[in-house]
Protein backbone atom coordinates (compact mmCIF):
# COMPACT_ATOMS: atom_id res chain seq x y z
CA MET A 1 185.54 -92.09 -38.64
CA SER A 2 181.95 -91.16 -39.30
CA SER A 3 181.05 -90.65 -35.64
CA THR A 4 182.72 -87.25 -35.95
CA ALA A 5 182.00 -86.67 -39.65
CA PRO A 6 179.80 -83.72 -40.68
CA VAL A 7 176.16 -84.50 -41.41
CA PRO A 8 175.04 -82.30 -44.33
CA ASP A 9 171.42 -81.26 -44.80
CA LEU A 10 171.83 -80.50 -48.50
CA VAL A 11 174.07 -81.47 -51.40
CA ARG A 12 173.68 -78.52 -53.72
CA ASN A 13 174.24 -78.12 -57.46
CA VAL A 14 175.07 -81.61 -58.68
CA ARG A 15 174.23 -83.48 -61.86
CA LEU A 16 172.68 -86.91 -61.45
CA TRP A 17 174.36 -89.86 -63.17
CA SER A 18 171.01 -90.68 -64.79
CA HIS A 19 170.28 -87.10 -65.99
CA PRO A 20 173.64 -85.32 -66.27
CA ALA A 21 172.28 -82.31 -68.15
CA ASP A 22 170.28 -80.99 -65.18
CA ALA A 23 171.57 -79.44 -61.96
CA VAL A 24 169.74 -80.56 -58.82
CA ASP A 25 169.85 -80.29 -55.03
CA LEU A 26 169.68 -83.39 -52.86
CA ARG A 27 168.03 -82.80 -49.49
CA ILE A 28 169.11 -85.28 -46.76
CA GLU A 29 167.17 -86.17 -43.63
CA GLU A 30 168.23 -88.87 -41.16
CA GLY A 31 170.55 -90.58 -43.64
CA THR A 32 168.00 -90.65 -46.46
CA ILE A 33 167.52 -88.51 -49.55
CA SER A 34 164.26 -86.72 -48.75
CA SER A 35 163.92 -84.73 -51.98
CA VAL A 36 165.56 -84.11 -55.34
CA THR A 37 164.78 -80.66 -56.73
CA PRO A 38 166.18 -78.35 -59.40
CA THR A 39 169.05 -76.28 -58.03
CA SER A 40 167.71 -73.05 -56.56
CA ASP A 41 169.05 -69.60 -57.42
CA ASP A 42 168.06 -68.43 -53.96
CA THR A 43 171.31 -67.37 -52.28
CA ALA A 44 169.65 -67.71 -48.88
CA VAL A 45 169.88 -71.49 -49.21
CA ASP A 46 173.68 -71.24 -49.13
CA THR A 47 173.58 -70.22 -45.48
CA ALA A 48 170.73 -72.49 -44.39
CA GLY A 49 171.97 -75.58 -42.59
CA ASN A 50 175.02 -77.69 -43.45
CA ILE A 51 175.61 -77.48 -47.18
CA VAL A 52 177.89 -79.49 -49.46
CA ASN A 53 178.54 -77.40 -52.55
CA GLY A 54 178.56 -79.87 -55.42
CA ARG A 55 179.99 -77.30 -57.86
CA GLY A 56 178.25 -78.99 -60.79
CA LEU A 57 180.01 -82.32 -60.23
CA LEU A 58 178.45 -85.60 -61.36
CA ALA A 59 176.66 -87.53 -58.61
CA LEU A 60 176.86 -91.33 -58.59
CA PRO A 61 175.20 -93.65 -56.08
CA GLY A 62 177.68 -95.06 -53.59
CA LEU A 63 179.79 -97.88 -55.02
CA VAL A 64 178.95 -101.42 -53.90
CA ASN A 65 181.79 -103.88 -53.36
CA ALA A 66 180.02 -107.23 -53.60
CA HIS A 67 183.08 -109.44 -53.03
CA ALA A 68 185.81 -108.26 -50.68
CA HIS A 69 188.21 -109.66 -48.06
CA ILE A 70 188.66 -106.78 -45.66
CA ASP A 71 190.11 -108.95 -42.89
CA LYS A 72 193.34 -109.84 -44.68
CA SER A 73 195.59 -107.26 -46.23
CA TRP A 74 198.92 -105.65 -45.50
CA TRP A 75 197.77 -102.22 -46.65
CA GLY A 76 199.55 -99.60 -44.55
CA LEU A 77 202.22 -102.08 -43.43
CA PRO A 78 205.74 -102.65 -44.83
CA TRP A 79 205.98 -104.28 -48.24
CA GLN A 80 205.40 -108.04 -48.24
CA SER A 81 207.21 -109.96 -50.96
CA TYR A 82 205.22 -112.53 -52.89
CA GLY A 83 206.10 -116.10 -51.93
CA GLY A 84 204.81 -119.64 -52.03
CA GLU A 85 203.11 -121.44 -54.89
CA GLY A 86 200.69 -119.83 -57.31
CA THR A 87 197.87 -122.38 -57.05
CA THR A 88 194.80 -121.89 -54.84
CA GLU A 89 196.11 -124.59 -52.51
CA GLY A 90 199.55 -123.00 -52.54
CA ARG A 91 198.21 -119.55 -51.69
CA ILE A 92 196.19 -121.01 -48.78
CA ARG A 93 199.32 -122.68 -47.36
CA HIS A 94 201.41 -119.52 -47.75
CA GLU A 95 198.80 -117.36 -46.06
CA ARG A 96 198.40 -119.78 -43.16
CA ALA A 97 202.17 -119.89 -42.67
CA HIS A 98 202.71 -116.11 -42.62
CA ARG A 99 199.53 -114.30 -41.56
CA ASP A 100 200.56 -114.18 -37.90
CA GLU A 101 203.77 -112.34 -38.84
CA ILE A 102 201.80 -109.31 -40.00
CA GLY A 103 199.15 -109.50 -37.29
CA MET A 104 196.32 -110.57 -39.53
CA PRO A 105 193.43 -110.25 -38.91
CA SER A 106 192.99 -107.15 -36.75
CA ALA A 107 190.67 -104.17 -36.49
CA GLU A 108 193.60 -101.94 -37.49
CA ILE A 109 194.27 -103.82 -40.72
CA THR A 110 190.58 -103.92 -41.55
CA GLY A 111 190.39 -100.19 -40.84
CA ASN A 112 193.18 -99.55 -43.35
CA VAL A 113 191.25 -101.45 -46.02
CA LEU A 114 187.99 -99.69 -45.25
CA GLU A 115 189.72 -96.33 -45.52
CA GLN A 116 190.90 -97.24 -49.02
CA PHE A 117 187.42 -98.36 -50.02
CA VAL A 118 185.84 -95.15 -48.73
CA THR A 119 188.45 -92.98 -50.44
CA HIS A 120 187.41 -94.59 -53.71
CA GLY A 121 183.69 -94.13 -53.10
CA THR A 122 182.59 -97.49 -51.72
CA THR A 123 179.77 -97.21 -49.18
CA ALA A 124 178.38 -100.77 -49.19
CA ILE A 125 180.33 -104.01 -48.87
CA ARG A 126 179.88 -107.76 -48.72
CA THR A 127 183.07 -109.15 -47.21
CA HIS A 128 184.30 -112.70 -46.80
CA VAL A 129 186.00 -113.15 -43.43
CA ASP A 130 188.18 -116.17 -42.75
CA VAL A 131 186.86 -118.74 -40.28
CA ASP A 132 189.16 -121.65 -39.49
CA LEU A 133 190.49 -123.78 -36.66
CA GLY A 134 193.29 -121.30 -35.91
CA LEU A 135 191.28 -118.09 -35.94
CA GLU A 136 187.87 -119.48 -35.06
CA LEU A 137 185.61 -116.36 -35.21
CA GLY A 138 188.31 -113.85 -34.28
CA GLY A 139 188.39 -112.31 -37.74
CA ILE A 140 184.67 -111.60 -37.62
CA GLU A 141 185.12 -109.81 -34.30
CA ALA A 142 187.94 -107.68 -35.77
CA VAL A 143 185.85 -106.74 -38.80
CA ARG A 144 182.85 -105.81 -36.69
CA GLU A 145 185.04 -103.60 -34.50
CA ALA A 146 186.46 -101.73 -37.51
CA VAL A 147 183.07 -101.32 -39.16
CA ALA A 148 181.52 -100.03 -35.92
CA GLY A 149 183.89 -97.07 -36.11
CA TYR A 150 181.88 -95.78 -39.07
CA ASP A 151 178.70 -95.70 -36.97
CA GLY A 152 176.43 -96.96 -39.72
CA ALA A 153 177.85 -94.80 -42.52
CA LEU A 154 178.99 -97.99 -44.26
CA ALA A 155 176.66 -100.91 -44.96
CA VAL A 156 178.63 -104.12 -44.43
CA GLU A 157 177.47 -107.73 -44.57
CA ILE A 158 179.75 -110.57 -43.48
CA VAL A 159 180.29 -113.98 -45.06
CA ALA A 160 181.87 -116.49 -42.66
CA PHE A 161 184.39 -117.88 -45.13
CA PRO A 162 186.12 -121.29 -44.80
CA GLN A 163 189.24 -120.42 -46.82
CA ASP A 164 190.92 -123.70 -45.85
CA GLY A 165 187.96 -125.91 -46.75
CA VAL A 166 184.78 -127.04 -45.02
CA LEU A 167 184.86 -130.82 -44.69
CA ARG A 168 188.56 -131.58 -44.91
CA ARG A 169 189.18 -129.76 -41.62
CA PRO A 170 186.95 -131.35 -38.94
CA GLY A 171 185.43 -128.62 -36.81
CA VAL A 172 185.07 -125.95 -39.51
CA LEU A 173 181.44 -126.80 -40.21
CA ALA A 174 180.70 -126.33 -36.50
CA LEU A 175 182.37 -122.90 -36.65
CA LEU A 176 180.16 -121.92 -39.60
CA ASP A 177 177.12 -123.08 -37.65
CA ARG A 178 178.25 -120.96 -34.70
CA ALA A 179 178.87 -117.93 -36.91
CA ALA A 180 175.35 -118.28 -38.33
CA ARG A 181 173.88 -118.49 -34.85
CA GLU A 182 175.88 -115.42 -33.79
CA GLY A 183 174.57 -113.17 -36.53
CA VAL A 184 176.62 -113.29 -39.73
CA GLU A 185 174.48 -112.66 -42.78
CA HIS A 186 176.03 -115.40 -44.93
CA ILE A 187 178.19 -118.50 -44.77
CA GLY A 188 180.70 -119.29 -47.47
CA GLY A 189 182.14 -122.23 -49.30
CA LEU A 190 185.15 -122.91 -51.50
CA ASP A 191 185.52 -125.16 -54.55
CA PRO A 192 183.59 -128.14 -53.19
CA ALA A 193 185.12 -130.52 -55.75
CA THR A 194 188.78 -129.50 -55.76
CA ILE A 195 189.29 -128.32 -52.17
CA ASP A 196 187.11 -130.70 -50.14
CA ARG A 197 186.98 -133.26 -52.97
CA ASP A 198 183.37 -133.85 -51.94
CA PRO A 199 181.06 -131.51 -53.84
CA VAL A 200 177.86 -133.20 -52.68
CA GLY A 201 179.00 -133.22 -49.07
CA GLN A 202 180.08 -129.57 -48.92
CA ILE A 203 177.07 -128.21 -50.79
CA ASP A 204 174.62 -130.29 -48.77
CA ALA A 205 176.20 -129.13 -45.50
CA LEU A 206 176.24 -125.44 -46.39
CA LEU A 207 172.72 -125.27 -47.75
CA ALA A 208 171.42 -127.21 -44.77
CA LEU A 209 172.89 -124.51 -42.50
CA SER A 210 171.20 -121.89 -44.65
CA ALA A 211 167.86 -123.65 -44.26
CA ASP A 212 168.35 -124.09 -40.51
CA HIS A 213 169.45 -120.52 -39.70
CA GLY A 214 168.00 -118.37 -42.48
CA VAL A 215 171.42 -117.11 -43.59
CA GLY A 216 172.63 -116.66 -47.14
CA VAL A 217 175.27 -118.79 -48.84
CA ASP A 218 178.10 -117.30 -50.92
CA ILE A 219 180.37 -119.91 -52.51
CA HIS A 220 183.75 -119.25 -54.14
CA LEU A 221 183.73 -121.42 -57.25
CA HIS A 222 186.89 -121.28 -59.35
CA ASP A 223 186.51 -124.71 -61.00
CA PRO A 224 186.28 -124.45 -64.79
CA ALA A 225 183.80 -125.44 -67.49
CA GLU A 226 181.80 -128.63 -66.91
CA LEU A 227 183.27 -129.30 -63.46
CA GLY A 228 182.13 -125.88 -62.31
CA ALA A 229 178.76 -126.20 -64.06
CA PHE A 230 178.17 -129.56 -62.38
CA GLN A 231 178.62 -127.95 -58.96
CA ILE A 232 176.29 -125.07 -59.86
CA GLU A 233 173.68 -127.65 -60.85
CA LEU A 234 174.09 -129.35 -57.47
CA ILE A 235 173.55 -125.99 -55.80
CA LEU A 236 170.44 -125.30 -57.88
CA GLU A 237 168.91 -128.68 -57.06
CA ARG A 238 169.28 -128.02 -53.34
CA VAL A 239 168.10 -124.42 -53.54
CA GLU A 240 164.88 -125.64 -55.12
CA ARG A 241 164.43 -128.59 -52.76
CA LEU A 242 165.09 -126.56 -49.59
CA GLY A 243 163.19 -123.46 -50.66
CA LEU A 244 166.25 -121.18 -50.58
CA HIS A 245 165.18 -118.88 -53.41
CA GLY A 246 167.22 -115.67 -53.42
CA ARG A 247 169.67 -116.76 -50.72
CA VAL A 248 172.62 -118.11 -52.73
CA ASN A 249 175.43 -116.38 -54.59
CA VAL A 250 178.14 -117.94 -56.76
CA ALA A 251 181.35 -115.94 -56.59
CA HIS A 252 183.79 -116.02 -59.53
CA GLY A 253 181.91 -118.76 -61.40
CA PHE A 254 184.47 -118.93 -64.20
CA ALA A 255 182.68 -121.99 -65.55
CA VAL A 256 179.68 -119.96 -66.69
CA ALA A 257 181.80 -117.97 -69.16
CA GLN A 258 183.51 -121.14 -70.44
CA LEU A 259 180.43 -123.13 -71.46
CA ASP A 260 179.01 -123.20 -74.97
CA GLY A 261 176.20 -120.75 -75.65
CA ILE A 262 173.25 -123.13 -75.38
CA ARG A 263 174.56 -124.82 -72.23
CA ARG A 264 175.17 -121.41 -70.64
CA ARG A 265 171.71 -120.13 -71.63
CA ASP A 266 170.00 -123.08 -69.97
CA LEU A 267 172.11 -122.82 -66.81
CA LEU A 268 171.50 -119.08 -66.46
CA ALA A 269 167.76 -119.60 -66.90
CA GLN A 270 167.78 -122.06 -63.98
CA MET A 271 169.81 -119.68 -61.86
CA ALA A 272 167.44 -116.79 -62.56
CA ALA A 273 164.38 -118.89 -61.74
CA LEU A 274 165.84 -119.68 -58.30
CA GLY A 275 167.23 -116.21 -57.58
CA VAL A 276 170.86 -117.39 -57.59
CA THR A 277 173.15 -114.40 -58.14
CA MET A 278 176.77 -114.03 -59.20
CA THR A 279 179.73 -111.82 -58.32
CA THR A 280 182.90 -111.26 -60.30
CA VAL A 281 186.24 -109.59 -59.73
CA ALA A 282 186.76 -109.27 -63.52
CA PRO A 283 189.85 -111.52 -63.59
CA LEU A 284 192.47 -110.87 -66.24
CA ARG A 285 193.32 -113.61 -68.75
CA LEU A 286 189.93 -115.31 -68.28
CA PRO A 287 186.69 -114.82 -70.22
CA GLN A 288 184.32 -112.42 -68.47
CA LEU A 289 180.79 -113.19 -67.36
CA PRO A 290 178.65 -112.10 -70.34
CA LEU A 291 176.75 -108.90 -69.51
CA HIS A 292 173.97 -109.24 -72.08
CA GLU A 293 173.34 -112.92 -71.39
CA LEU A 294 173.11 -112.46 -67.62
CA ASP A 295 170.79 -109.48 -68.05
CA ALA A 296 168.63 -111.31 -70.59
CA ALA A 297 168.28 -114.28 -68.26
CA GLY A 298 167.62 -112.08 -65.25
CA VAL A 299 170.65 -113.18 -63.19
CA ALA A 300 171.75 -110.32 -60.94
CA PHE A 301 175.49 -109.88 -60.57
CA GLY A 302 177.88 -107.51 -58.87
CA PHE A 303 181.53 -106.50 -58.92
CA GLY A 304 184.09 -106.98 -56.17
CA THR A 305 187.71 -106.11 -55.50
CA ASP A 306 188.57 -109.52 -53.99
CA GLY A 307 191.64 -109.23 -51.75
CA ILE A 308 193.89 -106.19 -52.05
CA ARG A 309 197.58 -106.21 -51.14
CA ASP A 310 197.36 -109.49 -49.29
CA LEU A 311 199.40 -112.67 -49.09
CA TRP A 312 197.72 -113.89 -52.26
CA SER A 313 198.80 -110.98 -54.45
CA PRO A 314 200.44 -107.54 -54.08
CA TYR A 315 197.91 -106.01 -56.50
CA GLY A 316 194.71 -104.10 -55.82
CA THR A 317 193.86 -100.54 -54.83
CA GLY A 318 190.39 -100.92 -53.37
CA ASP A 319 188.83 -98.98 -56.25
CA LEU A 320 185.61 -100.75 -57.20
CA LEU A 321 185.09 -98.39 -60.13
CA GLY A 322 188.47 -99.61 -61.38
CA ILE A 323 187.19 -103.19 -61.30
CA ALA A 324 184.14 -102.09 -63.29
CA TRP A 325 186.51 -100.45 -65.80
CA GLN A 326 188.51 -103.68 -66.01
CA TYR A 327 185.34 -105.70 -66.63
CA ALA A 328 184.12 -103.32 -69.33
CA ARG A 329 187.49 -103.16 -71.07
CA ALA A 330 188.04 -106.92 -70.96
CA SER A 331 184.50 -107.48 -72.25
CA SER A 332 185.04 -105.04 -75.16
CA ILE A 333 182.13 -102.92 -73.93
CA VAL A 334 182.08 -99.61 -75.79
CA ARG A 335 178.47 -98.51 -76.42
CA ASP A 336 176.90 -95.91 -74.16
CA ASP A 337 174.00 -98.06 -72.98
CA ASP A 338 176.35 -100.88 -72.00
CA LEU A 339 178.84 -98.56 -70.28
CA LEU A 340 175.97 -97.03 -68.34
CA ARG A 341 174.77 -100.50 -67.36
CA VAL A 342 178.22 -101.34 -65.98
CA VAL A 343 178.12 -98.19 -63.84
CA GLU A 344 174.65 -99.16 -62.64
CA ILE A 345 175.93 -102.59 -61.58
CA ALA A 346 178.93 -101.04 -59.81
CA THR A 347 176.66 -98.75 -57.81
CA GLY A 348 173.06 -98.81 -56.63
CA ALA A 349 171.80 -101.78 -58.65
CA SER A 350 174.02 -104.06 -56.56
CA ALA A 351 172.91 -102.70 -53.19
CA ARG A 352 171.20 -106.04 -52.49
CA PHE A 353 174.63 -107.62 -51.98
CA ALA A 354 175.02 -105.50 -48.84
CA GLY A 355 171.44 -105.91 -47.65
CA LEU A 356 170.20 -102.57 -49.00
CA ALA A 357 167.46 -101.48 -51.32
CA THR A 358 168.40 -100.31 -54.81
CA ASN A 359 169.87 -96.80 -54.79
CA GLN A 360 169.41 -94.51 -57.80
CA LEU A 361 169.72 -91.19 -55.93
CA GLN A 362 165.99 -90.70 -55.76
CA ALA A 363 163.83 -89.50 -52.90
CA GLY A 364 163.61 -92.27 -50.33
CA ASP A 365 166.98 -93.80 -51.22
CA ARG A 366 169.75 -94.13 -48.66
CA ALA A 367 172.02 -91.07 -48.89
CA ASP A 368 175.09 -92.83 -50.30
CA ILE A 369 176.46 -90.26 -52.76
CA VAL A 370 179.74 -89.98 -54.65
CA LEU A 371 180.73 -86.83 -56.55
CA VAL A 372 183.22 -86.93 -59.43
CA ASP A 373 184.42 -84.46 -62.03
CA ALA A 374 183.01 -86.18 -65.10
CA GLU A 375 180.76 -85.29 -68.02
CA ASN A 376 178.50 -88.29 -67.53
CA ALA A 377 178.50 -91.81 -66.09
CA MET A 378 180.24 -93.27 -69.14
CA ASP A 379 183.02 -90.71 -68.82
CA ALA A 380 183.34 -91.53 -65.12
CA LEU A 381 183.75 -95.22 -65.91
CA VAL A 382 186.37 -94.93 -68.61
CA ARG A 383 188.45 -92.31 -66.75
CA THR A 384 187.84 -93.44 -63.14
CA PRO A 385 188.43 -89.89 -61.83
CA ARG A 386 189.21 -89.04 -58.22
CA ARG A 387 186.24 -89.22 -55.87
CA GLU A 388 185.84 -85.58 -54.81
CA VAL A 389 183.10 -86.18 -52.22
CA VAL A 390 181.88 -89.39 -50.58
CA ILE A 391 178.76 -89.47 -48.39
CA GLY A 392 177.67 -92.62 -46.58
CA ARG A 393 174.18 -92.72 -45.08
CA GLY A 394 174.19 -88.95 -44.97
CA ARG A 395 177.64 -88.60 -43.35
CA LEU A 396 180.41 -86.76 -45.14
CA LEU A 397 183.31 -89.23 -45.31
CA VAL A 398 185.48 -87.65 -48.02
CA GLY A 399 185.61 -84.05 -49.23
């Protein structure tokens, strides 16, 4: 854990993702990059303070996982065979029936997931943590305990997530209210139309809590096409009415990619005007959120790993750069500018999803640094090489 991790003063001889032709030194003070200067030929610097020798590796900002579930995984435990039905409702039932058998959630399980994330270069996370009548807020406590072991080296924001529905289980809304009062950064929702079968009721309840407590809202929305768009419009109406600009995120949002071009353009324009963001896990077999259209509209979006090795699916490695690769490949992104943009979204441009300022490895940025053996950022994306060094808020976590 980072409480015993080395704290380097200097990361020497690296090439920045934004200017890979030039070798630079990154000076670190109190978890922040204090200066970026051309690499010195002065050999005396090699013995001055705690030095990480970058060996000419490419430096990326720390990866940002904008949609994770670090409370529920069987990573590090014996293999769990897939069972139950494949629908969202079926996966919920299967997880509820079997999660106690593997001791989920716990600080140990969450620690296993965090270790995987860090190994792959993630230093900032927004995680959805289950809140329900069985667990109450126990999962949040377990996550906080595991995160505390990194002593601030990881930036983590929590979404109190009602995986089993908000309104159909009396008492869940009260738990979300309690979680907001006890310091979570966001409250979540899930398919207001198809899970609660009351889109107006769920959305009204969640955004009212946001207005009352000043927390964000992050809603899982899997519903397709016009049904999904209708619920986004309900969200937008309430964001405007309640003055919640910049507080709401739509996760998944498959509907946006399934609308016709004009309908999507108008919806994205409304989302941008109200600061509503999106996150995607780059799902296979579904159309991807359109990079150019979201950027043109000004809708910020980030990538997430979703759950990894959990009772929903045995897949996932915790590699956020791999999700970015999947998004780029599935979107047929091949040009340098677009590949670079995908890397930007996977890293410092998405820092807002974990409550941080944008990180571009400049003086004044948080010292979240990942070193890889790659020619440039585009090469790093398409090859997803091993993360040689990972630094979180100035602490050496890997390498």
